Amino acid sequence: MYKEKLEEAEQRLYLFMVQYLGGPKHYNEMRGLPRLRIRHQPFAIDEDAKNSWLANMRTALDKSNINADDKEFLWDYFVKTANFMRNK
C-alpha cells in the first residue's frame, strides 16, 4: 500500500497514536489535523486490506506488555477505525 519507506508510515502511526491517547500533539504539528479518511482515500481499502491491517495490529498488541484492559481499549479502537476506513 505504501510506496514510500515503511519507517515513515510507522513514525506517523506512532505520533498519531501518542496524540490520540492524550500525549503531545506532535502529529498535528507535523501533519495538521489527522483527517484519517481523507488521507487514506488514495488507497484501496477493501475487506482484505482491512483484515490484513487488523491482523498486524493484533500481532502487535499480542506482543506488547500492556495490560488486558488497555489492549481491549486499543483493539476496539482499531476495529472501529478499520471499518470506518474501508472505501471499496
Protein backbone atom coordinates (compact mmCIF):
# COMPACT_ATOMS: atom_id res chain seq x y z
CA MET A 1 0.00 0.00 0.00
CA TYR A 2 2.84 2.39 0.81
CA LYS A 3 5.26 3.30 -1.95
CA GLU A 4 7.46 5.18 0.47
CA LYS A 5 9.70 3.89 3.21
CA LEU A 6 7.75 1.94 5.80
CA GLU A 7 9.65 3.68 8.60
CA GLU A 8 7.95 6.96 7.68
CA ALA A 9 4.50 5.37 7.90
CA GLU A 10 5.44 3.78 11.22
CA GLN A 11 6.53 7.17 12.58
CA ARG A 12 3.24 8.79 11.53
CA LEU A 13 1.22 5.99 13.14
CA TYR A 14 3.27 6.30 16.31
CA LEU A 15 2.79 10.08 16.50
CA PHE A 16 -0.91 9.74 15.77
CA MET A 17 -1.44 7.11 18.48
CA VAL A 18 0.53 9.14 21.05
CA GLN A 19 -1.67 12.13 20.31
CA TYR A 20 -4.89 10.08 20.22
CA LEU A 21 -4.06 8.64 23.64
CA GLY A 22 -3.60 12.10 25.15
CA GLY A 23 0.07 12.75 24.59
CA PRO A 24 1.74 15.70 22.91
CA LYS A 25 0.22 16.96 19.65
CA HIS A 26 3.35 16.34 17.58
CA TYR A 27 1.27 14.67 14.88
CA ASN A 28 -0.78 17.84 14.38
CA GLU A 29 2.38 19.95 14.42
CA MET A 30 3.96 17.78 11.74
CA ARG A 31 0.94 16.86 9.59
CA GLY A 32 -2.00 19.04 10.56
CA LEU A 33 -5.32 17.59 11.65
CA PRO A 34 -5.44 13.79 11.26
CA ARG A 35 -8.33 13.62 8.73
CA LEU A 36 -7.73 9.86 8.55
CA ARG A 37 -10.39 9.02 5.98
CA ILE A 38 -9.30 11.79 3.60
CA ARG A 39 -5.61 10.91 3.96
CA HIS A 40 -6.32 7.26 3.18
CA GLN A 41 -8.70 7.89 0.26
CA PRO A 42 -5.98 7.35 -2.39
CA PHE A 43 -5.56 3.77 -1.13
CA ALA A 44 -7.97 0.98 -1.99
CA ILE A 45 -9.04 -0.27 1.42
CA ASP A 46 -11.25 -3.26 0.92
CA GLU A 47 -12.17 -6.07 3.31
CA ASP A 48 -8.87 -7.89 2.64
CA ALA A 49 -6.78 -4.76 3.28
CA LYS A 50 -8.76 -4.02 6.42
CA ASN A 51 -8.32 -7.57 7.72
CA SER A 52 -4.61 -7.55 6.91
CA TRP A 53 -4.09 -4.31 8.85
CA LEU A 54 -6.11 -5.64 11.77
CA ALA A 55 -4.08 -8.87 11.79
CA ASN A 56 -0.88 -6.82 12.07
CA MET A 57 -2.32 -4.68 14.84
CA ARG A 58 -3.50 -7.81 16.70
CA THR A 59 0.01 -9.27 16.46
CA ALA A 60 1.48 -6.03 17.79
CA LEU A 61 -0.96 -5.98 20.70
CA ASP A 62 -0.30 -9.63 21.49
CA LYS A 63 3.45 -8.99 21.59
CA SER A 64 3.10 -5.90 23.79
CA ASN A 65 3.41 -5.88 27.55
CA ILE A 66 0.42 -3.64 28.17
CA ASN A 67 -2.39 -4.77 30.44
CA ALA A 68 -5.52 -6.55 29.19
CA ASP A 69 -7.83 -3.54 29.66
CA ASP A 70 -5.57 -1.31 27.58
CA LYS A 71 -5.27 -4.00 24.89
CA GLU A 72 -9.05 -4.26 24.77
CA PHE A 73 -9.40 -0.47 24.52
CA LEU A 74 -6.89 -0.30 21.66
CA TRP A 75 -8.36 -3.30 19.85
CA ASP A 76 -11.82 -1.75 19.97
CA TYR A 77 -10.41 1.48 18.53
CA PHE A 78 -8.52 -0.38 15.79
CA VAL A 79 -11.59 -2.36 14.73
CA LYS A 80 -13.85 0.71 14.64
CA THR A 81 -11.25 2.71 12.75
CA ALA A 82 -10.52 -0.07 10.25
CA ASN A 83 -14.21 -0.40 9.46
CA PHE A 84 -14.52 3.38 9.09
CA MET A 85 -11.56 3.48 6.70
CA ARG A 86 -12.97 0.95 4.21
CA ASN A 87 -13.60 2.62 0.89
CA LYS A 88 -14.04 -0.30 -1.51
